[in-house]
Protein backbone atom coordinates (compact mmCIF):
# COMPACT_ATOMS: atom_id res chain seq x y z
CA UNK A 1 -112.17 -95.84 94.00
CA UNK A 2 -113.96 -92.44 94.41
CA UNK A 3 -117.71 -92.26 94.58
CA UNK A 4 -119.58 -93.22 91.38
CA UNK A 5 -121.18 -90.54 89.56
CA UNK A 6 -124.99 -90.71 89.75
CA UNK A 7 -126.95 -89.67 86.64
CA UNK A 8 -129.00 -86.52 87.27
CA UNK A 9 -132.24 -87.91 85.74
CA UNK A 10 -133.92 -90.77 83.91
CA UNK A 11 -132.59 -91.95 80.43
CA UNK A 12 -132.95 -95.04 78.19
CA UNK A 13 -130.60 -97.88 77.23
CA UNK A 14 -130.73 -100.31 74.58
CA UNK A 15 -128.63 -103.59 73.99
CA UNK A 16 -127.52 -104.09 70.44
CA UNK A 17 -129.14 -106.75 68.30
CA UNK A 18 -127.75 -110.24 68.31
CA UNK A 19 -124.46 -111.54 66.46
CA UNK A 20 -123.49 -114.92 65.57
CA UNK A 21 -121.01 -115.02 68.47
CA UNK A 22 -123.92 -114.17 70.86
CA UNK A 23 -125.97 -116.91 69.46
CA UNK A 24 -123.03 -119.29 70.09
CA UNK A 25 -122.96 -118.29 73.82
CA UNK A 26 -119.31 -116.88 73.42
CA UNK A 27 -117.66 -114.10 75.12
CA UNK A 28 -117.55 -111.19 72.85
CA UNK A 29 -115.74 -108.13 74.11
CA UNK A 30 -114.14 -105.97 71.76
CA UNK A 31 -114.07 -108.41 68.84
CA UNK A 32 -116.15 -106.41 66.11
CA UNK A 33 -118.65 -108.98 65.17
CA UNK A 34 -121.46 -107.42 63.01
CA UNK A 35 -125.07 -107.99 63.69
CA UNK A 36 -126.46 -111.05 61.79
CA UNK A 37 -129.85 -111.14 60.09
CA UNK A 38 -131.69 -111.70 63.37
CA UNK A 39 -129.83 -108.86 65.00
CA UNK A 40 -130.86 -106.32 62.15
CA UNK A 41 -134.45 -107.41 62.63
CA UNK A 42 -134.29 -106.86 66.48
CA UNK A 43 -132.75 -103.46 65.77
CA UNK A 44 -135.74 -102.48 63.50
CA UNK A 45 -138.24 -103.88 65.94
CA UNK A 46 -136.65 -101.64 68.76
CA UNK A 47 -136.95 -98.70 66.50
CA UNK A 48 -140.65 -99.55 66.12
CA UNK A 49 -141.09 -99.90 69.89
CA UNK A 50 -139.25 -96.58 70.36
CA UNK A 51 -141.26 -94.65 67.68
CA UNK A 52 -143.70 -93.16 70.27
CA UNK A 53 -141.03 -91.83 72.47
CA UNK A 54 -139.35 -88.50 71.52
CA UNK A 55 -135.75 -89.13 71.25
CA UNK A 56 -133.45 -86.03 71.16
CA UNK A 57 -130.04 -87.82 71.06
CA UNK A 58 -128.83 -91.34 70.42
CA UNK A 59 -125.40 -92.30 71.91
CA UNK A 60 -123.59 -95.53 70.91
CA UNK A 61 -120.67 -97.66 71.65
CA UNK A 62 -117.97 -97.49 68.69
CA UNK A 63 -118.39 -101.36 68.32
CA UNK A 64 -120.18 -102.23 65.00
CA UNK A 65 -122.92 -104.32 66.60
CA UNK A 66 -124.03 -101.43 68.77
CA UNK A 67 -123.40 -98.59 66.30
CA UNK A 68 -125.37 -100.41 63.59
CA UNK A 69 -128.15 -100.96 65.78
CA UNK A 70 -128.06 -97.29 66.95
CA UNK A 71 -127.97 -96.15 63.27
CA UNK A 72 -131.24 -98.02 62.63
CA UNK A 73 -132.90 -96.37 65.47
CA UNK A 74 -131.57 -92.96 64.86
CA UNK A 75 -132.54 -93.19 61.25
CA UNK A 76 -136.07 -94.33 61.89
CA UNK A 77 -136.74 -91.56 64.56
CA UNK A 78 -134.41 -88.84 62.50
CA UNK A 79 -132.36 -88.41 65.82
CA UNK A 80 -128.80 -87.39 66.01
CA UNK A 81 -126.33 -90.07 66.49
CA UNK A 82 -123.13 -89.92 68.47
CA UNK A 83 -120.47 -92.54 69.11
CA UNK A 84 -118.87 -92.53 72.68
CA UNK A 85 -116.06 -94.93 73.61
CA UNK A 86 -116.90 -94.96 77.05
CA UNK A 87 -120.03 -97.39 76.11
CA UNK A 88 -117.63 -99.95 74.87
CA UNK A 89 -118.06 -103.48 76.04
CA UNK A 90 -116.21 -104.91 78.87
CA UNK A 91 -112.70 -106.20 78.07
CA UNK A 92 -113.05 -109.86 78.95
CA UNK A 93 -109.26 -110.52 78.40
CA UNK A 94 -108.42 -114.18 77.89
CA UNK A 95 -112.01 -115.22 78.11
CA UNK A 96 -112.44 -113.58 74.82
CA UNK A 97 -114.11 -116.16 72.34
CA UNK A 98 -114.79 -118.81 75.00
CA UNK A 99 -117.99 -120.26 75.77
CA UNK A 100 -119.73 -118.59 78.51
CA UNK A 101 -121.21 -121.84 79.57
CA UNK A 102 -118.05 -123.57 79.84
CA UNK A 103 -116.35 -120.85 81.89
CA UNK A 104 -119.36 -120.85 84.22
CA UNK A 105 -118.91 -124.73 84.69
CA UNK A 106 -115.28 -124.50 85.33
CA UNK A 107 -115.89 -121.96 88.13
CA UNK A 108 -118.97 -123.53 89.69
CA UNK A 109 -121.03 -120.57 88.73
CA UNK A 110 -124.87 -120.62 88.75
CA UNK A 111 -125.80 -117.18 87.74
CA UNK A 112 -124.58 -114.72 85.14
CA UNK A 113 -124.03 -112.14 87.68
CA UNK A 114 -121.26 -114.15 89.18
CA UNK A 115 -119.05 -113.56 86.02
CA UNK A 116 -118.22 -110.23 87.38
CA UNK A 117 -116.37 -111.95 90.13
CA UNK A 118 -113.97 -114.01 87.96
CA UNK A 119 -113.02 -111.66 85.30
CA UNK A 120 -109.26 -112.37 84.46
CA UNK A 121 -106.40 -109.96 85.33
CA UNK A 122 -105.70 -109.31 81.71
CA UNK A 123 -109.37 -107.96 81.33
CA UNK A 124 -111.09 -104.85 82.61
CA UNK A 125 -112.08 -104.87 86.35
CA UNK A 126 -115.92 -104.70 86.90
CA UNK A 127 -115.77 -101.55 88.94
CA UNK A 128 -114.24 -99.96 85.86
CA UNK A 129 -116.99 -100.82 83.74
CA UNK A 130 -119.54 -99.26 86.24
CA UNK A 131 -117.25 -96.09 86.68
CA UNK A 132 -116.85 -95.20 82.85
CA UNK A 133 -120.45 -96.25 81.96
CA UNK A 134 -121.90 -93.92 84.66
CA UNK A 135 -119.43 -91.07 83.91
CA UNK A 136 -120.66 -91.39 80.18
CA UNK A 137 -124.37 -91.31 80.95
CA UNK A 138 -123.88 -88.47 83.41
CA UNK A 139 -121.85 -86.41 80.89
CA UNK A 140 -124.42 -86.65 77.95
CA UNK A 141 -127.45 -86.03 80.40
CA UNK A 142 -125.53 -82.90 81.88
CA UNK A 143 -124.55 -81.73 78.58
CA UNK A 144 -128.11 -82.01 77.29
CA UNK A 145 -130.22 -81.04 80.18
CA UNK A 146 -133.61 -81.32 78.34
CA UNK A 147 -132.78 -84.08 75.96
CA UNK A 148 -134.36 -87.49 75.98
CA UNK A 149 -131.27 -89.62 75.46
CA UNK A 150 -131.13 -93.35 74.41
CA UNK A 151 -127.66 -95.15 74.98
CA UNK A 152 -127.02 -98.18 72.65
CA UNK A 153 -124.45 -100.31 74.30
CA UNK A 154 -123.55 -103.90 75.49
CA UNK A 155 -124.86 -106.39 78.26
CA UNK A 156 -122.02 -105.67 80.63
CA UNK A 157 -122.33 -101.80 80.38
CA UNK A 158 -126.22 -102.00 81.00
CA UNK A 159 -125.79 -104.63 83.85
CA UNK A 160 -123.01 -102.58 85.39
CA UNK A 161 -125.28 -99.43 85.51
CA UNK A 162 -128.18 -101.50 86.83
CA UNK A 163 -126.17 -102.98 89.51
CA UNK A 164 -125.08 -99.60 90.85
CA UNK A 165 -128.27 -97.70 90.35
CA UNK A 166 -130.77 -100.29 91.18
CA UNK A 167 -128.87 -103.03 93.16
CA UNK A 168 -129.59 -105.78 90.76
CA UNK A 169 -129.07 -107.01 87.30
CA UNK A 170 -131.89 -107.17 84.71
CA UNK A 171 -133.11 -109.45 82.29
CA UNK A 172 -131.37 -107.94 79.37
CA UNK A 173 -132.61 -109.26 75.90
CA UNK A 174 -131.04 -108.14 72.51
CA UNK A 175 -132.65 -105.26 71.08
CA UNK A 176 -134.92 -104.56 74.02
CA UNK A 177 -135.04 -100.95 75.13
CA UNK A 178 -135.23 -100.06 78.79
CA UNK A 179 -135.84 -96.89 80.80
CA UNK A 180 -133.81 -96.26 83.84
CA UNK A 181 -136.15 -94.25 85.87
CA UNK A 182 -135.01 -91.82 88.71
CA UNK A 183 -137.45 -90.83 91.21
CA UNK A 184 -135.69 -88.80 93.97
CA UNK A 185 -132.71 -90.78 94.89
CA UNK A 186 -134.40 -94.14 93.99
CA UNK A 187 -133.93 -96.04 90.54
CA UNK A 188 -135.88 -98.50 88.86
CA UNK A 189 -135.77 -100.27 85.48
CA UNK A 190 -138.61 -100.88 83.11
CA UNK A 191 -138.92 -102.20 79.78
CA UNK A 192 -139.98 -99.85 77.06
CA UNK A 193 -143.27 -101.30 75.43
């Protein structure tokens, strides 16, 4: 695989609010499960946390849980919203709908990061998630060079970006905005308070 694109500057990401499948601890790839009441509340809470941040563009995954979260944030801040298929969740293949805890037990995994190593052949390879996510972020930042951009997406997308840019996974809670901060060639992640 060729070198991964590196975003030219800092940006923001927000994981969608929670769904019923999330609460049940199930793999939820492209099954289009809507936000539950808690997830809607989390999206509104994220909008409040972001209200002091000047947003110029919100870009979201096409899946309803991310698009609905993004719409709440974009409406609250009167920010344009775009949908980009490159932010869609990982295709977990035959793991779809299964209990994450059960799969981890079956494979002797002790940390969520280890799931990237056991993705099934009928799913999307982990490097593919990193590449498409970073291409998407880079495209939007390059096409809107002065804009503050918020990407509303999914856990695997945010983890893949974090792993490439910062060398680690993050404690990624539902409806919690993060800033990926670039200083020179170094990246850090901080929660937006």
